[in-house]
PDB file of all heavy atoms in Angstrom:
ATOM      1  N   GLN A   1      90.973 -33.015  84.427  1.00  0.00           N
ATOM      2  CA  GLN A   1      90.141 -31.855  84.738  1.00  0.00           C
ATOM      3  C   GLN A   1      90.989 -30.626  85.084  1.00  0.00           C
ATOM      4  O   GLN A   1      90.818 -29.983  86.105  1.00  0.00           O
ATOM      5  CB  GLN A   1      89.185 -32.187  85.891  1.00  0.00           C
ATOM      6  CG  GLN A   1      88.226 -33.319  85.560  1.00  0.00           C
ATOM      7  CD  GLN A   1      87.355 -33.711  86.731  1.00  0.00           C
ATOM      8  OE1 GLN A   1      87.631 -33.384  87.865  1.00  0.00           O
ATOM      9  NE2 GLN A   1      86.272 -34.411  86.442  1.00  0.00           N
ATOM     10  N   ASN A   2      91.919 -30.342  84.171  1.00  0.00           N
ATOM     11  CA  ASN A   2      92.751 -29.141  84.244  1.00  0.00           C
ATOM     12  C   ASN A   2      93.724 -29.108  85.425  1.00  0.00           C
ATOM     13  O   ASN A   2      94.291 -28.068  85.739  1.00  0.00           O
ATOM     14  CB  ASN A   2      91.881 -27.871  84.272  1.00  0.00           C
ATOM     15  CG  ASN A   2      91.112 -27.707  82.975  1.00  0.00           C
ATOM     16  OD1 ASN A   2      91.635 -28.002  81.900  1.00  0.00           O
ATOM     17  ND2 ASN A   2      89.877 -27.264  83.068  1.00  0.00           N
ATOM     18  N   GLU A   3      93.941 -30.257  86.089  1.00  0.00           N
ATOM     19  CA  GLU A   3      94.951 -30.335  87.139  1.00  0.00           C
ATOM     20  C   GLU A   3      96.100 -31.213  86.652  1.00  0.00           C
ATOM     21  O   GLU A   3      95.885 -32.223  85.999  1.00  0.00           O
ATOM     22  CB  GLU A   3      94.357 -30.928  88.425  1.00  0.00           C
ATOM     23  CG  GLU A   3      93.315 -30.026  89.084  1.00  0.00           C
ATOM     24  CD  GLU A   3      92.823 -30.611  90.391  1.00  0.00           C
ATOM     25  OE1 GLU A   3      93.519 -31.470  90.943  1.00  0.00           O
ATOM     26  OE2 GLU A   3      91.748 -30.197  90.850  1.00  0.00           O
ATOM     27  N   GLN A   4      97.321 -30.803  87.010  1.00  0.00           N
ATOM     28  CA  GLN A   4      98.487 -31.558  86.556  1.00  0.00           C
ATOM     29  C   GLN A   4      98.835 -32.666  87.542  1.00  0.00           C
ATOM     30  O   GLN A   4      98.853 -32.456  88.752  1.00  0.00           O
ATOM     31  CB  GLN A   4      99.689 -30.624  86.403  1.00  0.00           C
ATOM     32  CG  GLN A   4     100.912 -31.289  85.786  1.00  0.00           C
ATOM     33  CD  GLN A   4     102.098 -30.348  85.745  1.00  0.00           C
ATOM     34  OE1 GLN A   4     102.730 -30.098  86.755  1.00  0.00           O
ATOM     35  NE2 GLN A   4     102.387 -29.820  84.577  1.00  0.00           N
ATOM     36  N   PHE A   5      99.093 -33.843  87.013  1.00  0.00           N
ATOM     37  CA  PHE A   5      99.510 -34.952  87.858  1.00  0.00           C
ATOM     38  C   PHE A   5     100.968 -34.802  88.283  1.00  0.00           C
ATOM     39  O   PHE A   5     101.800 -34.250  87.559  1.00  0.00           O
ATOM     40  CB  PHE A   5      99.391 -36.275  87.100  1.00  0.00           C
ATOM     41  CG  PHE A   5      97.992 -36.821  87.013  1.00  0.00           C
ATOM     42  CD1 PHE A   5      97.428 -37.127  85.788  1.00  0.00           C
ATOM     43  CD2 PHE A   5      97.255 -37.056  88.158  1.00  0.00           C
ATOM     44  CE1 PHE A   5      96.153 -37.659  85.704  1.00  0.00           C
ATOM     45  CE2 PHE A   5      95.986 -37.590  88.082  1.00  0.00           C
ATOM     46  CZ  PHE A   5      95.424 -37.890  86.850  1.00  0.00           C
ATOM     47  N   LYS A   6     101.281 -35.352  89.456  1.00  0.00           N
ATOM     48  CA  LYS A   6     102.657 -35.555  89.886  1.00  0.00           C
ATOM     49  C   LYS A   6     102.862 -37.066  90.016  1.00  0.00           C
ATOM     50  O   LYS A   6     101.947 -37.780  90.439  1.00  0.00           O
ATOM     51  CB  LYS A   6     102.914 -34.884  91.239  1.00  0.00           C
ATOM     52  CG  LYS A   6     102.795 -33.366  91.223  1.00  0.00           C
ATOM     53  CD  LYS A   6     102.915 -32.797  92.627  1.00  0.00           C
ATOM     54  CE  LYS A   6     101.666 -33.130  93.446  1.00  0.00           C
ATOM     55  NZ  LYS A   6     101.688 -32.482  94.796  1.00  0.00           N
ATOM     56  N   VAL A   7     104.048 -37.529  89.650  1.00  0.00           N
ATOM     57  CA  VAL A   7     104.334 -38.960  89.766  1.00  0.00           C
ATOM     58  C   VAL A   7     104.890 -39.236  91.160  1.00  0.00           C
ATOM     59  O   VAL A   7     105.856 -38.614  91.593  1.00  0.00           O
ATOM     60  CB  VAL A   7     105.329 -39.417  88.690  1.00  0.00           C
ATOM     61  CG1 VAL A   7     105.674 -40.893  88.871  1.00  0.00           C
ATOM     62  CG2 VAL A   7     104.747 -39.192  87.297  1.00  0.00           C
ATOM     63  N   ALA A   8     104.265 -40.160  91.868  1.00  0.00           N
ATOM     64  CA  ALA A   8     104.690 -40.489  93.225  1.00  0.00           C
ATOM     65  C   ALA A   8     106.103 -41.057  93.209  1.00  0.00           C
ATOM     66  O   ALA A   8     106.420 -41.918  92.391  1.00  0.00           O
ATOM     67  CB  ALA A   8     103.722 -41.499  93.845  1.00  0.00           C
ATOM     68  N   PRO A   9     106.965 -40.580  94.105  1.00  0.00           N
ATOM     69  CA  PRO A   9     108.336 -41.099  94.142  1.00  0.00           C
ATOM     70  C   PRO A   9     108.380 -42.530  94.658  1.00  0.00           C
ATOM     71  O   PRO A   9     107.450 -43.006  95.329  1.00  0.00           O
ATOM     72  CB  PRO A   9     109.039 -40.140  95.123  1.00  0.00           C
ATOM     73  CG  PRO A   9     107.931 -39.642  96.007  1.00  0.00           C
ATOM     74  CD  PRO A   9     106.718 -39.555  95.124  1.00  0.00           C
ATOM     75  N   ILE A  10     109.465 -43.220  94.359  1.00  0.00           N
ATOM     76  CA  ILE A  10     109.663 -44.572  94.869  1.00  0.00           C
ATOM     77  C   ILE A  10     109.626 -44.539  96.395  1.00  0.00           C
ATOM     78  O   ILE A  10     110.244 -43.687  97.025  1.00  0.00           O
ATOM     79  CB  ILE A  10     111.004 -45.150  94.384  1.00  0.00           C
ATOM     80  CG1 ILE A  10     111.021 -45.266  92.855  1.00  0.00           C
ATOM     81  CG2 ILE A  10     111.269 -46.509  95.021  1.00  0.00           C
ATOM     82  CD1 ILE A  10     110.006 -46.227  92.300  1.00  0.00           C
ATOM     83  N   GLY A  11     108.879 -45.448  97.002  1.00  0.00           N
ATOM     84  CA  GLY A  11     108.766 -45.486  98.451  1.00  0.00           C
ATOM     85  C   GLY A  11     107.589 -44.704  99.004  1.00  0.00           C
ATOM     86  O   GLY A  11     107.349 -44.698 100.214  1.00  0.00           O
ATOM     87  N   PHE A  12     106.847 -44.046  98.121  1.00  0.00           N
ATOM     88  CA  PHE A  12     105.716 -43.220  98.539  1.00  0.00           C
ATOM     89  C   PHE A  12     104.709 -44.044  99.350  1.00  0.00           C
ATOM     90  O   PHE A  12     104.128 -43.555 100.321  1.00  0.00           O
ATOM     91  CB  PHE A  12     105.038 -42.630  97.302  1.00  0.00           C
ATOM     92  CG  PHE A  12     103.891 -41.696  97.601  1.00  0.00           C
ATOM     93  CD1 PHE A  12     104.132 -40.360  97.885  1.00  0.00           C
ATOM     94  CD2 PHE A  12     102.578 -42.146  97.577  1.00  0.00           C
ATOM     95  CE1 PHE A  12     103.079 -39.491  98.154  1.00  0.00           C
ATOM     96  CE2 PHE A  12     101.512 -41.283  97.837  1.00  0.00           C
ATOM     97  CZ  PHE A  12     101.779 -39.957  98.134  1.00  0.00           C
ATOM     98  N   VAL A  13     104.507 -45.284  98.977  1.00  0.00           N
ATOM     99  CA  VAL A  13     103.516 -46.135  99.628  1.00  0.00           C
ATOM    100  C   VAL A  13     103.830 -46.338 101.105  1.00  0.00           C
ATOM    101  O   VAL A  13     102.927 -46.469 101.932  1.00  0.00           O
ATOM    102  CB  VAL A  13     103.419 -47.493  98.895  1.00  0.00           C
ATOM    103  CG1 VAL A  13     104.731 -48.256  98.979  1.00  0.00           C
ATOM    104  CG2 VAL A  13     102.287 -48.337  99.460  1.00  0.00           C
ATOM    105  N   ARG A  14     105.105 -46.319 101.477  1.00  0.00           N
ATOM    106  CA  ARG A  14     105.478 -46.563 102.871  1.00  0.00           C
ATOM    107  C   ARG A  14     105.123 -45.391 103.784  1.00  0.00           C
ATOM    108  O   ARG A  14     105.097 -45.535 105.004  1.00  0.00           O
ATOM    109  CB  ARG A  14     106.970 -46.880 102.958  1.00  0.00           C
ATOM    110  CG  ARG A  14     107.294 -48.270 102.420  1.00  0.00           C
ATOM    111  CD  ARG A  14     108.770 -48.478 102.199  1.00  0.00           C
ATOM    112  NE  ARG A  14     109.043 -49.851 101.765  1.00  0.00           N
ATOM    113  CZ  ARG A  14     108.825 -50.313 100.550  1.00  0.00           C
ATOM    114  NH1 ARG A  14     108.316 -49.522  99.632  1.00  0.00           N
ATOM    115  NH2 ARG A  14     109.091 -51.564 100.239  1.00  0.00           N
ATOM    116  N   GLY A  15     104.858 -44.244 103.183  1.00  0.00           N
ATOM    117  CA  GLY A  15     104.404 -43.103 103.964  1.00  0.00           C
ATOM    118  C   GLY A  15     102.916 -43.142 104.250  1.00  0.00           C
ATOM    119  O   GLY A  15     102.397 -42.261 104.953  1.00  0.00           O
ATOM    120  N   LEU A  16     102.241 -44.127 103.700  1.00  0.00           N
ATOM    121  CA  LEU A  16     100.793 -44.255 103.882  1.00  0.00           C
ATOM    122  C   LEU A  16     100.452 -45.634 104.450  1.00  0.00           C
ATOM    123  O   LEU A  16      99.515 -46.292 104.016  1.00  0.00           O
ATOM    124  CB  LEU A  16     100.070 -44.039 102.541  1.00  0.00           C
ATOM    125  CG  LEU A  16     100.245 -42.647 101.910  1.00  0.00           C
ATOM    126  CD1 LEU A  16      99.666 -42.625 100.506  1.00  0.00           C
ATOM    127  CD2 LEU A  16      99.570 -41.579 102.766  1.00  0.00           C
ATOM    128  N   LYS A  17     101.211 -46.046 105.457  1.00  0.00           N
ATOM    129  CA  LYS A  17     101.028 -47.378 106.030  1.00  0.00           C
ATOM    130  C   LYS A  17      99.631 -47.564 106.616  1.00  0.00           C
ATOM    131  O   LYS A  17      99.040 -48.642 106.508  1.00  0.00           O
ATOM    132  CB  LYS A  17     102.082 -47.634 107.110  1.00  0.00           C
ATOM    133  CG  LYS A  17     103.493 -47.810 106.576  1.00  0.00           C
ATOM    134  CD  LYS A  17     104.457 -48.110 107.703  1.00  0.00           C
ATOM    135  CE  LYS A  17     105.879 -48.299 107.175  1.00  0.00           C
ATOM    136  NZ  LYS A  17     106.828 -48.589 108.278  1.00  0.00           N
ATOM    137  N   ARG A  18      99.110 -46.522 107.256  1.00  0.00           N
ATOM    138  CA  ARG A  18      97.789 -46.656 107.862  1.00  0.00           C
ATOM    139  C   ARG A  18      96.740 -46.950 106.798  1.00  0.00           C
ATOM    140  O   ARG A  18      95.916 -47.868 106.949  1.00  0.00           O
ATOM    141  CB  ARG A  18      97.430 -45.381 108.626  1.00  0.00           C
ATOM    142  CG  ARG A  18      96.043 -45.438 109.286  1.00  0.00           C
ATOM    143  CD  ARG A  18      95.748 -44.144 110.027  1.00  0.00           C
ATOM    144  NE  ARG A  18      95.776 -42.997 109.136  1.00  0.00           N
ATOM    145  CZ  ARG A  18      94.759 -42.647 108.346  1.00  0.00           C
ATOM    146  NH1 ARG A  18      93.653 -43.382 108.323  1.00  0.00           N
ATOM    147  NH2 ARG A  18      94.846 -41.583 107.570  1.00  0.00           N
ATOM    148  N   GLU A  19      96.770 -46.170 105.701  1.00  0.00           N
ATOM    149  CA  GLU A  19      95.806 -46.378 104.622  1.00  0.00           C
ATOM    150  C   GLU A  19      95.961 -47.757 103.992  1.00  0.00           C
ATOM    151  O   GLU A  19      94.973 -48.434 103.687  1.00  0.00           O
ATOM    152  CB  GLU A  19      95.965 -45.296 103.559  1.00  0.00           C
ATOM    153  CG  GLU A  19      95.526 -43.901 103.994  1.00  0.00           C
ATOM    154  CD  GLU A  19      96.637 -43.112 104.653  1.00  0.00           C
ATOM    155  OE1 GLU A  19      97.626 -43.732 105.119  1.00  0.00           O
ATOM    156  OE2 GLU A  19      96.524 -41.873 104.709  1.00  0.00           O
ATOM    157  N   VAL A  20      97.215 -48.177 103.817  1.00  0.00           N
ATOM    158  CA  VAL A  20      97.466 -49.492 103.222  1.00  0.00           C
ATOM    159  C   VAL A  20      96.949 -50.600 104.131  1.00  0.00           C
ATOM    160  O   VAL A  20      96.324 -51.567 103.676  1.00  0.00           O
ATOM    161  CB  VAL A  20      98.968 -49.680 102.935  1.00  0.00           C
ATOM    162  CG1 VAL A  20      99.255 -51.114 102.487  1.00  0.00           C
ATOM    163  CG2 VAL A  20      99.432 -48.694 101.865  1.00  0.00           C
ATOM    164  N   GLY A  21      97.187 -50.450 105.431  1.00  0.00           N
ATOM    165  CA  GLY A  21      96.701 -51.439 106.382  1.00  0.00           C
ATOM    166  C   GLY A  21      95.191 -51.553 106.351  1.00  0.00           C
ATOM    167  O   GLY A  21      94.633 -52.670 106.390  1.00  0.00           O
ATOM    168  N   GLU A  22      94.504 -50.403 106.253  1.00  0.00           N
ATOM    169  CA  GLU A  22      93.042 -50.418 106.199  1.00  0.00           C
ATOM    170  C   GLU A  22      92.554 -51.102 104.921  1.00  0.00           C
ATOM    171  O   GLU A  22      91.583 -51.855 104.936  1.00  0.00           O
ATOM    172  CB  GLU A  22      92.508 -48.988 106.277  1.00  0.00           C
ATOM    173  CG  GLU A  22      92.698 -48.347 107.653  1.00  0.00           C
ATOM    174  CD  GLU A  22      92.283 -46.886 107.670  1.00  0.00           C
ATOM    175  OE1 GLU A  22      91.955 -46.354 106.577  1.00  0.00           O
ATOM    176  OE2 GLU A  22      92.290 -46.276 108.751  1.00  0.00           O
ATOM    177  N   MET A  23      93.224 -50.839 103.812  1.00  0.00           N
ATOM    178  CA  MET A  23      92.831 -51.478 102.552  1.00  0.00           C
ATOM    179  C   MET A  23      92.995 -52.985 102.613  1.00  0.00           C
ATOM    180  O   MET A  23      92.168 -53.738 102.097  1.00  0.00           O
ATOM    181  CB  MET A  23      93.671 -50.908 101.397  1.00  0.00           C
ATOM    182  CG  MET A  23      93.341 -49.499 100.990  1.00  0.00           C
ATOM    183  SD  MET A  23      94.152 -49.044  99.433  1.00  0.00           S
ATOM    184  CE  MET A  23      95.862 -49.423  99.766  1.00  0.00           C
ATOM    185  N   LEU A  24      94.087 -53.436 103.242  1.00  0.00           N
ATOM    186  CA  LEU A  24      94.386 -54.866 103.311  1.00  0.00           C
ATOM    187  C   LEU A  24      93.722 -55.538 104.507  1.00  0.00           C
ATOM    188  O   LEU A  24      93.868 -56.757 104.683  1.00  0.00           O
ATOM    189  CB  LEU A  24      95.905 -55.077 103.370  1.00  0.00           C
ATOM    190  CG  LEU A  24      96.715 -54.614 102.149  1.00  0.00           C
ATOM    191  CD1 LEU A  24      98.204 -54.799 102.407  1.00  0.00           C
ATOM    192  CD2 LEU A  24      96.291 -55.366 100.900  1.00  0.00           C
ATOM    193  N   ASN A  25      93.038 -54.720 105.327  1.00  0.00           N
ATOM    194  CA  ASN A  25      92.349 -55.233 106.514  1.00  0.00           C
ATOM    195  C   ASN A  25      93.331 -55.942 107.454  1.00  0.00           C
ATOM    196  O   ASN A  25      93.078 -57.051 107.927  1.00  0.00           O
ATOM    197  CB  ASN A  25      91.216 -56.187 106.107  1.00  0.00           C
ATOM    198  CG  ASN A  25      90.249 -56.451 107.249  1.00  0.00           C
ATOM    199  OD1 ASN A  25      90.081 -55.607 108.136  1.00  0.00           O
ATOM    200  ND2 ASN A  25      89.618 -57.627 107.246  1.00  0.00           N
ATOM    201  N   LYS A  26      94.450 -55.265 107.728  1.00  0.00           N
ATOM    202  CA  LYS A  26      95.454 -55.810 108.635  1.00  0.00           C
ATOM    203  C   LYS A  26      96.193 -54.670 109.319  1.00  0.00           C
ATOM    204  O   LYS A  26      96.093 -53.510 108.891  1.00  0.00           O
ATOM    205  CB  LYS A  26      96.431 -56.713 107.876  1.00  0.00           C
ATOM    206  CG  LYS A  26      97.264 -56.000 106.830  1.00  0.00           C
ATOM    207  CD  LYS A  26      98.044 -56.973 105.972  1.00  0.00           C
ATOM    208  CE  LYS A  26      99.001 -57.819 106.736  1.00  0.00           C
ATOM    209  NZ  LYS A  26      99.825 -58.688 105.854  1.00  0.00           N
ATOM    210  N   SER A  27      96.921 -54.965 110.352  1.00  0.00           N
ATOM    211  CA  SER A  27      97.688 -53.940 111.051  1.00  0.00           C
ATOM    212  C   SER A  27      98.779 -53.395 110.147  1.00  0.00           C
ATOM    213  O   SER A  27      99.419 -54.137 109.397  1.00  0.00           O
ATOM    214  CB  SER A  27      98.323 -54.537 112.313  1.00  0.00           C
ATOM    215  OG  SER A  27      99.298 -53.662 112.847  1.00  0.00           O
ATOM    216  N   GLN A  28      98.986 -52.070 110.252  1.00  0.00           N
ATOM    217  CA  GLN A  28     100.039 -51.459 109.436  1.00  0.00           C
ATOM    218  C   GLN A  28     101.416 -52.010 109.787  1.00  0.00           C
ATOM    219  O   GLN A  28     102.353 -51.913 108.991  1.00  0.00           O
ATOM    220  CB  GLN A  28     100.024 -49.939 109.611  1.00  0.00           C
ATOM    221  CG  GLN A  28     100.268 -49.469 111.042  1.00  0.00           C
ATOM    222  CD  GLN A  28     100.284 -47.962 111.162  1.00  0.00           C
ATOM    223  OE1 GLN A  28     101.162 -47.288 110.608  1.00  0.00           O
ATOM    224  NE2 GLN A  28      99.318 -47.418 111.864  1.00  0.00           N
ATOM    225  N   TYR A  29     101.543 -52.599 110.974  1.00  0.00           N
ATOM    226  CA  TYR A  29     102.840 -53.123 111.414  1.00  0.00           C
ATOM    227  C   TYR A  29     103.114 -54.536 110.892  1.00  0.00           C
ATOM    228  O   TYR A  29     104.201 -55.076 111.094  1.00  0.00           O
ATOM    229  CB  TYR A  29     102.910 -53.116 112.951  1.00  0.00           C
ATOM    230  CG  TYR A  29     102.655 -51.740 113.538  1.00  0.00           C
ATOM    231  CD1 TYR A  29     101.459 -51.454 114.187  1.00  0.00           C
ATOM    232  CD2 TYR A  29     103.605 -50.732 113.401  1.00  0.00           C
ATOM    233  CE1 TYR A  29     101.208 -50.185 114.705  1.00  0.00           C
ATOM    234  CE2 TYR A  29     103.369 -49.459 113.919  1.00  0.00           C
ATOM    235  CZ  TYR A  29     102.166 -49.197 114.563  1.00  0.00           C
ATOM    236  OH  TYR A  29     101.932 -47.938 115.067  1.00  0.00           O
ATOM    237  N   THR A  30     102.125 -55.126 110.248  1.00  0.00           N
ATOM    238  CA  THR A  30     102.315 -56.484 109.724  1.00  0.00           C
ATOM    239  C   THR A  30     102.341 -56.519 108.198  1.00  0.00           C
ATOM    240  O   THR A  30     102.350 -57.594 107.610  1.00  0.00           O
ATOM    241  CB  THR A  30     101.201 -57.427 110.243  1.00  0.00           C
ATOM    242  OG1 THR A  30      99.913 -56.923 109.814  1.00  0.00           O
ATOM    243  CG2 THR A  30     101.228 -57.513 111.756  1.00  0.00           C
ATOM    244  N   ILE A  31     102.333 -55.346 107.563  1.00  0.00           N
ATOM    245  CA  ILE A  31     102.421 -55.295 106.100  1.00  0.00           C
ATOM    246  C   ILE A  31     103.818 -55.757 105.679  1.00  0.00           C
ATOM    247  O   ILE A  31     104.823 -55.270 106.201  1.00  0.00           O
ATOM    248  CB  ILE A  31     102.153 -53.875 105.577  1.00  0.00           C
ATOM    249  CG1 ILE A  31     100.793 -53.367 106.061  1.00  0.00           C
ATOM    250  CG2 ILE A  31     102.213 -53.846 104.048  1.00  0.00           C
ATOM    251  CD1 ILE A  31     100.573 -51.885 105.809  1.00  0.00           C
ATOM    252  N   THR A  32     103.882 -56.681 104.762  1.00  0.00           N
ATOM    253  CA  THR A  32     105.178 -57.217 104.333  1.00  0.00           C
ATOM    254  C   THR A  32     105.798 -56.354 103.230  1.00  0.00           C
ATOM    255  O   THR A  32     105.108 -55.590 102.556  1.00  0.00           O
ATOM    256  CB  THR A  32     105.012 -58.650 103.804  1.00  0.00           C
ATOM    257  OG1 THR A  32     104.221 -58.615 102.601  1.00  0.00           O
ATOM    258  CG2 THR A  32     104.314 -59.533 104.831  1.00  0.00           C
ATOM    259  N   GLU A  33     107.097 -56.497 103.083  1.00  0.00           N
ATOM    260  CA  GLU A  33     107.801 -55.780 102.010  1.00  0.00           C
ATOM    261  C   GLU A  33     107.265 -56.197 100.644  1.00  0.00           C
ATOM    262  O   GLU A  33     107.186 -55.402  99.717  1.00  0.00           O
ATOM    263  CB  GLU A  33     109.308 -56.058 102.088  1.00  0.00           C
ATOM    264  CG  GLU A  33     110.018 -55.305 103.196  1.00  0.00           C
ATOM    265  CD  GLU A  33     109.876 -53.794 103.027  1.00  0.00           C
ATOM    266  OE1 GLU A  33     110.136 -53.278 101.924  1.00  0.00           O
ATOM    267  OE2 GLU A  33     109.476 -53.129 104.006  1.00  0.00           O
ATOM    268  N   SER A  34     106.881 -57.464 100.547  1.00  0.00           N
ATOM    269  CA  SER A  34     106.332 -57.955  99.286  1.00  0.00           C
ATOM    270  C   SER A  34     105.013 -57.258  98.957  1.00  0.00           C
ATOM    271  O   SER A  34     104.747 -56.926  97.797  1.00  0.00           O
ATOM    272  CB  SER A  34     106.111 -59.472  99.373  1.00  0.00           C
ATOM    273  OG  SER A  34     105.549 -59.971  98.189  1.00  0.00           O
ATOM    274  N   GLU A  35     104.198 -57.007  99.974  1.00  0.00           N
ATOM    275  CA  GLU A  35     102.929 -56.312  99.752  1.00  0.00           C
ATOM    276  C   GLU A  35     103.164 -54.844  99.373  1.00  0.00           C
ATOM    277  O   GLU A  35     102.487 -54.307  98.493  1.00  0.00           O
ATOM    278  CB  GLU A  35     102.053 -56.419 101.004  1.00  0.00           C
ATOM    279  CG  GLU A  35     101.477 -57.816 101.193  1.00  0.00           C
ATOM    280  CD  GLU A  35     100.798 -57.992 102.537  1.00  0.00           C
ATOM    281  OE1 GLU A  35     101.262 -57.373 103.528  1.00  0.00           O
ATOM    282  OE2 GLU A  35      99.813 -58.746 102.607  1.00  0.00           O
ATOM    283  N   PHE A  36     104.120 -54.211 100.037  1.00  0.00           N
ATOM    284  CA  PHE A  36     104.458 -52.833  99.665  1.00  0.00           C
ATOM    285  C   PHE A  36     104.909 -52.771  98.203  1.00  0.00           C
ATOM    286  O   PHE A  36     104.483 -51.898  97.443  1.00  0.00           O
ATOM    287  CB  PHE A  36     105.585 -52.295 100.560  1.00  0.00           C
ATOM    288  CG  PHE A  36     105.118 -51.767 101.887  1.00  0.00           C
ATOM    289  CD1 PHE A  36     105.737 -52.162 103.057  1.00  0.00           C
ATOM    290  CD2 PHE A  36     104.072 -50.850 101.971  1.00  0.00           C
ATOM    291  CE1 PHE A  36     105.322 -51.673 104.287  1.00  0.00           C
ATOM    292  CE2 PHE A  36     103.652 -50.350 103.194  1.00  0.00           C
ATOM    293  CZ  PHE A  36     104.274 -50.769 104.365  1.00  0.00           C
ATOM    294  N   ALA A  37     105.777 -53.700  97.810  1.00  0.00           N
ATOM    295  CA  ALA A  37     106.296 -53.714  96.438  1.00  0.00           C
ATOM    296  C   ALA A  37     105.178 -53.963  95.436  1.00  0.00           C
ATOM    297  O   ALA A  37     105.148 -53.355  94.357  1.00  0.00           O
ATOM    298  CB  ALA A  37     107.383 -54.782  96.306  1.00  0.00           C
ATOM    299  N   ALA A  38     104.244 -54.862  95.793  1.00  0.00           N
ATOM    300  CA  ALA A  38     103.138 -55.167  94.886  1.00  0.00           C
ATOM    301  C   ALA A  38     102.237 -53.952  94.690  1.00  0.00           C
ATOM    302  O   ALA A  38     101.811 -53.656  93.565  1.00  0.00           O
ATOM    303  CB  ALA A  38     102.329 -56.340  95.428  1.00  0.00           C
ATOM    304  N   ILE A  39     101.951 -53.228  95.771  1.00  0.00           N
ATOM    305  CA  ILE A  39     101.099 -52.039  95.666  1.00  0.00           C
ATOM    306  C   ILE A  39     101.802 -50.962  94.844  1.00  0.00           C
ATOM    307  O   ILE A  39     101.187 -50.285  94.017  1.00  0.00           O
ATOM    308  CB  ILE A  39     100.735 -51.515  97.068  1.00  0.00           C
ATOM    309  CG1 ILE A  39      99.752 -52.478  97.734  1.00  0.00           C
ATOM    310  CG2 ILE A  39     100.125 -50.114  96.984  1.00  0.00           C
ATOM    311  CD1 ILE A  39      99.413 -52.138  99.163  1.00  0.00           C
ATOM    312  N   GLU A  40     103.104 -50.819  95.047  1.00  0.00           N
ATOM    313  CA  GLU A  40     103.846 -49.782  94.328  1.00  0.00           C
ATOM    314  C   GLU A  40     103.948 -50.087  92.833  1.00  0.00           C
ATOM    315  O   GLU A  40     104.148 -49.178  92.024  1.00  0.00           O
ATOM    316  CB  GLU A  40     105.239 -49.627  94.928  1.00  0.00           C
ATOM    317  CG  GLU A  40     105.917 -48.331  94.568  1.00  0.00           C
ATOM    318  CD  GLU A  40     106.983 -47.940  95.575  1.00  0.00           C
ATOM    319  OE1 GLU A  40     107.844 -48.787  95.870  1.00  0.00           O
ATOM    320  OE2 GLU A  40     106.948 -46.803  96.062  1.00  0.00           O
ATOM    321  N   SER A  41     103.794 -51.342  92.454  1.00  0.00           N
ATOM    322  CA  SER A  41     103.947 -51.711  91.040  1.00  0.00           C
ATOM    323  C   SER A  41     102.609 -52.037  90.371  1.00  0.00           C
ATOM    324  O   SER A  41     102.595 -52.618  89.295  1.00  0.00           O
ATOM    325  CB  SER A  41     104.886 -52.910  90.911  1.00  0.00           C
ATOM    326  OG  SER A  41     104.349 -54.054  91.553  1.00  0.00           O
ATOM    327  N   LEU A  42     101.502 -51.653  91.001  1.00  0.00           N
ATOM    328  CA  LEU A  42     100.194 -51.930  90.419  1.00  0.00           C
ATOM    329  C   LEU A  42     100.077 -51.320  89.033  1.00  0.00           C
ATOM    330  O   LEU A  42     100.357 -50.142  88.833  1.00  0.00           O
ATOM    331  CB  LEU A  42      99.079 -51.379  91.316  1.00  0.00           C
ATOM    332  CG  LEU A  42      98.861 -52.086  92.656  1.00  0.00           C
ATOM    333  CD1 LEU A  42      97.829 -51.317  93.486  1.00  0.00           C
ATOM    334  CD2 LEU A  42      98.407 -53.522  92.441  1.00  0.00           C
TER     335      LEU A  42
END
């Protein structure tokens, strides 16, 4: 819709721990590195 995309840099997901925790229904402090990697490679 006439807006240009930007590609999220590697590690972008770690800046959104709160949102990720809410999506996974768990504390942001218990998100594993494996889960971060899986979300980043969706």
